[in-house]
Protein backbone atom coordinates (compact mmCIF):
# COMPACT_ATOMS: atom_id res chain seq x y z
CA MET A 1 -14.42 -22.80 -98.35
CA LYS A 2 -10.71 -22.32 -97.98
CA LEU A 3 -11.31 -18.76 -96.86
CA LYS A 4 -13.85 -19.89 -94.25
CA SER A 5 -11.58 -22.60 -92.89
CA SER A 6 -8.67 -20.15 -92.57
CA ILE A 7 -10.93 -17.68 -90.77
CA TYR A 8 -12.09 -20.46 -88.39
CA ARG A 9 -8.48 -21.43 -87.70
CA THR A 10 -7.50 -17.84 -87.01
CA ILE A 11 -10.41 -17.38 -84.60
CA SER A 12 -9.59 -20.68 -82.83
CA VAL A 13 -5.95 -19.72 -82.39
CA PHE A 14 -6.95 -16.28 -81.10
CA LEU A 15 -9.38 -17.81 -78.58
CA LEU A 16 -6.73 -20.29 -77.43
CA PHE A 17 -4.25 -17.42 -76.98
CA ILE A 18 -6.76 -15.46 -74.88
CA ALA A 19 -7.51 -18.52 -72.73
CA PHE A 20 -3.83 -19.27 -72.23
CA ASN A 21 -3.11 -15.64 -71.32
CA ALA A 22 -5.93 -15.57 -68.78
CA TYR A 23 -4.76 -18.84 -67.22
CA SER A 24 -1.20 -17.53 -66.98
CA GLN A 25 -2.32 -14.34 -65.22
CA VAL A 26 -4.43 -16.27 -62.68
CA ASN A 27 -1.56 -18.65 -62.03
CA LEU A 28 0.89 -15.79 -61.60
CA GLN A 29 -1.46 -14.01 -59.17
CA GLN A 30 -1.86 -17.17 -57.10
CA ASN A 31 1.90 -17.73 -56.99
CA PHE A 32 2.51 -14.11 -56.06
CA SER A 33 -0.05 -14.18 -53.25
CA LEU A 34 1.41 -17.40 -51.87
CA THR A 35 4.91 -15.96 -52.04
CA ASN A 36 3.73 -12.78 -50.35
CA LEU A 37 2.12 -14.77 -47.54
CA LYS A 38 5.33 -16.72 -47.00
CA LEU A 39 7.35 -13.53 -46.89
CA LYS A 40 4.93 -11.97 -44.37
CA SER A 41 5.02 -15.04 -42.17
CA LYS A 42 8.83 -15.04 -42.24
CA THR A 43 8.91 -11.33 -41.42
CA THR A 44 6.51 -11.89 -38.52
CA GLU A 45 8.62 -14.77 -37.25
CA ARG A 46 11.67 -12.57 -37.42
CA LYS A 47 9.99 -9.64 -35.67
CA LEU A 48 8.46 -11.63 -32.81
CA PRO A 49 11.76 -12.70 -31.24
CA GLY A 50 12.99 -9.11 -31.52
CA LEU A 51 9.94 -7.78 -29.72
CA ALA A 52 10.31 -10.44 -27.04
CA GLY A 53 13.96 -9.49 -26.68
CA LYS A 54 13.07 -5.82 -26.32
CA THR A 55 10.41 -6.59 -23.72
CA SER A 56 12.74 -8.82 -21.74
CA SER A 57 15.50 -6.18 -21.87
CA VAL A 58 13.22 -3.30 -20.77
CA LEU A 59 12.21 -5.04 -17.53
CA PRO A 60 15.70 -5.27 -15.96
CA ILE A 61 16.45 -1.69 -17.06
CA SER A 62 13.28 -0.44 -15.35
CA ILE A 63 14.10 -2.40 -12.20
CA GLY A 64 17.63 -0.98 -12.25
CA VAL A 65 16.39 2.61 -12.61
CA LEU A 66 13.89 2.20 -9.77
CA THR A 67 16.57 0.62 -7.58
CA ALA A 68 18.97 3.49 -8.32
CA ILE A 69 16.29 6.08 -7.49
CA TYR A 70 15.57 4.27 -4.22
CA LEU A 71 19.20 3.75 -3.17
CA LEU A 72 20.62 7.05 -4.45
CA ASN A 73 18.33 10.02 -3.90
CA PRO A 74 19.73 13.12 -5.69
CA LEU A 75 20.32 16.27 -3.65
CA VAL A 76 21.08 19.88 -4.65
CA GLU A 77 22.61 22.15 -1.98
CA TYR A 78 23.00 25.92 -1.90
CA THR A 79 25.47 27.26 0.67
CA ASP A 80 27.87 30.19 0.86
CA ARG A 81 26.58 31.39 -2.56
CA LYS A 82 27.62 28.14 -4.22
CA VAL A 83 25.62 25.20 -5.57
CA TYR A 84 26.69 21.60 -5.00
CA ALA A 85 25.29 18.20 -5.95
CA GLY A 86 25.04 15.21 -3.68
CA LEU A 87 23.29 12.02 -2.70
CA THR A 88 21.13 11.40 0.34
CA LYS A 89 19.13 8.60 1.93
CA GLU A 90 16.47 8.67 4.63
CA VAL A 91 15.01 5.80 6.65
CA SER A 92 12.11 6.41 9.01
CA VAL A 93 10.22 4.67 11.80
CA GLY A 94 6.54 5.64 12.19
CA PHE A 95 4.12 5.52 15.10
CA GLY A 96 0.38 5.96 15.38
CA LYS A 97 -2.46 4.20 13.57
CA LEU A 98 -1.01 4.89 10.12
CA GLY A 99 2.58 5.61 11.13
CA GLN A 100 2.05 9.31 10.42
CA HIS A 101 4.28 10.35 13.35
CA ARG A 102 7.78 9.53 12.12
CA THR A 103 11.31 9.69 13.48
CA ALA A 104 13.99 9.62 10.78
CA ALA A 105 17.70 9.32 10.22
CA GLU A 106 19.26 10.65 7.01
CA TYR A 107 22.80 10.39 5.70
CA SER A 108 24.05 12.67 2.90
CA MET A 109 27.21 13.01 0.80
CA VAL A 110 27.83 16.34 -0.95
CA PHE A 111 30.39 16.63 -3.73
CA GLY A 112 32.30 19.88 -4.17
CA GLY A 113 36.07 19.72 -3.91
CA ASN A 114 36.21 17.66 -0.73
CA ILE A 115 33.29 15.28 -0.07
CA ARG A 116 31.26 16.41 2.91
CA HIS A 117 29.29 13.98 5.06
CA TYR A 118 26.08 14.98 6.82
CA LEU A 119 23.90 13.24 9.37
CA ARG A 120 20.39 14.40 10.29
CA LEU A 121 18.03 13.15 13.01
CA SER A 122 14.48 14.47 12.83
CA TYR A 123 10.80 14.22 13.70
CA LYS A 124 8.11 14.48 10.97
CA TYR A 125 4.34 14.50 10.81
CA ASP A 126 2.53 13.28 7.68
CA ILE A 127 -0.64 15.17 6.77
CA LEU A 128 -2.66 12.67 4.71
CA LEU A 129 -4.62 14.51 2.04
CA ALA A 130 -7.08 11.67 1.40
CA THR A 131 -9.95 11.26 3.86
CA GLY A 132 -11.36 8.07 5.30
CA ILE A 133 -8.09 6.10 5.46
CA GLN A 134 -8.16 3.58 8.31
CA PRO A 135 -5.49 1.17 9.61
CA SER A 136 -5.40 -1.78 7.22
CA HIS A 137 -3.44 -4.86 6.24
CA MET A 138 -3.81 -3.67 2.63
CA LEU A 139 -1.60 -0.97 1.08
CA GLN A 140 -3.35 2.38 0.61
CA GLY A 141 -2.15 5.38 -1.39
CA THR A 142 -2.61 9.07 -0.72
CA SER A 143 -0.96 12.41 -1.43
CA VAL A 144 0.93 13.68 1.61
CA ILE A 145 2.43 16.88 2.95
CA SER A 146 5.01 16.26 5.68
CA VAL A 147 6.38 18.89 8.05
CA GLY A 148 9.33 18.28 10.32
CA ALA A 149 12.39 19.57 12.14
CA GLY A 150 15.60 18.09 13.41
CA TYR A 151 19.27 18.13 14.36
CA PHE A 152 22.15 18.39 11.87
CA THR A 153 25.86 17.58 12.09
CA ASP A 154 28.66 17.47 9.53
CA PHE A 155 30.96 16.01 12.22
CA LYS A 156 32.69 19.41 12.50
CA GLY A 157 29.72 21.61 13.29
CA ARG A 158 26.07 21.35 14.23
CA GLY A 159 22.79 22.98 13.35
CA ILE A 160 19.01 22.73 13.37
CA PHE A 161 16.55 22.69 10.48
CA PRO A 162 12.87 22.83 9.52
CA GLU A 163 11.70 21.00 6.40
CA ILE A 164 8.65 20.39 4.27
CA THR A 165 8.00 17.41 2.01
CA TYR A 166 5.39 16.68 -0.63
CA GLY A 167 4.79 13.30 -2.22
CA TYR A 168 2.56 10.27 -2.61
CA SER A 169 2.75 7.67 0.14
CA ILE A 170 1.80 4.01 -0.18
CA ARG A 171 1.32 2.60 3.30
CA ASN A 172 -0.42 0.18 5.60
CA HIS A 173 -0.14 -0.22 9.38
CA LYS A 174 3.45 -1.54 9.11
CA LEU A 175 5.09 -0.31 5.88
CA LEU A 176 5.71 3.04 4.17
CA PHE A 177 6.85 3.60 0.56
CA TYR A 178 7.07 7.36 -0.08
CA PRO A 179 8.19 8.98 -3.38
CA HIS A 180 8.69 12.65 -2.55
CA VAL A 181 10.29 16.05 -3.07
CA LYS A 182 11.79 17.72 0.02
CA ILE A 183 13.13 21.21 0.76
CA ARG A 184 14.74 22.39 4.01
CA TYR A 185 16.85 25.12 5.56
CA THR A 186 19.64 24.25 7.99
CA TYR A 187 20.69 27.00 10.39
CA MET A 188 24.22 26.35 11.64
CA LEU A 189 24.80 26.84 15.38
CA THR A 190 28.56 26.53 15.01
CA LYS A 191 30.30 29.84 14.32
CA ASP A 192 31.87 30.47 10.90
CA LYS A 193 29.69 27.74 9.37
CA PRO A 194 27.33 28.97 6.61
CA SER A 195 23.68 27.96 6.61
CA ILE A 196 22.48 25.39 4.06
CA THR A 197 19.43 25.24 1.81
CA ASP A 198 18.89 21.93 0.03
CA LEU A 199 16.38 20.26 -2.28
CA SER A 200 16.16 16.48 -2.66
CA PHE A 201 13.86 13.94 -4.24
CA GLY A 202 13.56 10.17 -4.33
CA VAL A 203 11.95 7.44 -2.26
CA ILE A 204 11.72 7.07 1.53
CA LEU A 205 11.24 3.58 2.93
CA GLY A 206 9.91 3.27 6.45
CA ILE A 207 8.36 0.91 8.95
CA ALA A 208 5.52 1.71 11.34
CA ASN A 209 4.62 0.61 14.84
CA PRO A 210 7.44 -1.91 15.28
CA PHE A 211 6.57 -2.41 18.97
CA ILE A 212 2.82 -1.71 18.86
CA ASP A 213 -0.04 -3.98 17.78
CA VAL A 214 -2.67 -1.81 16.07
CA ASN A 215 -5.14 -4.68 16.51
CA ILE A 216 -6.81 -4.57 13.08
CA ARG A 217 -9.83 -6.88 13.18
CA ARG A 218 -10.78 -6.80 9.50
CA LYS A 219 -9.20 -6.24 6.12
CA TYR A 220 -10.14 -3.18 4.09
């Protein structure tokens, strides 16, 4: 009898130990999962403001880069067997249904020892590569090849030049926004002045038909 009672006690203690161990493991798992959830939520809360800060900081940087590209169009010039860098800016006025006939004025600064200042006056014709574009109040986009020619002066000499431009124009009957790449050759008419080859890229901003009503009767 004593042996049986001791065996029963041993089994009871063993069962209690197993039950207690199982309860402890479940409790620990629950506490760990709750702690893990809290840590994840805190991490998410910490990350969200950072992402918002990054997003809010990217926008002004993008606007600044686009503004710089618009205001300061880079230029590379080759003349007298030397290469120079510079900045240039063109503004145009267009005529015709889509403003594809354009007159333009362009001012350039070239850096190389002394800063040289150039002024160009020109006529250009935009060959729209998309078909079916009609005068519209809405902005329309198309690839464009522009050909042109004009008059050049550096305020000490003068010349003439042909040019060709490729880009993508966004336009309606009044406005032109034209990211582009342009190459031209300036033949100097003034003696002892070397000819100039230059490559530039950036954005042209223009207006169209400032004194003409295209008389668009519907929106496209």
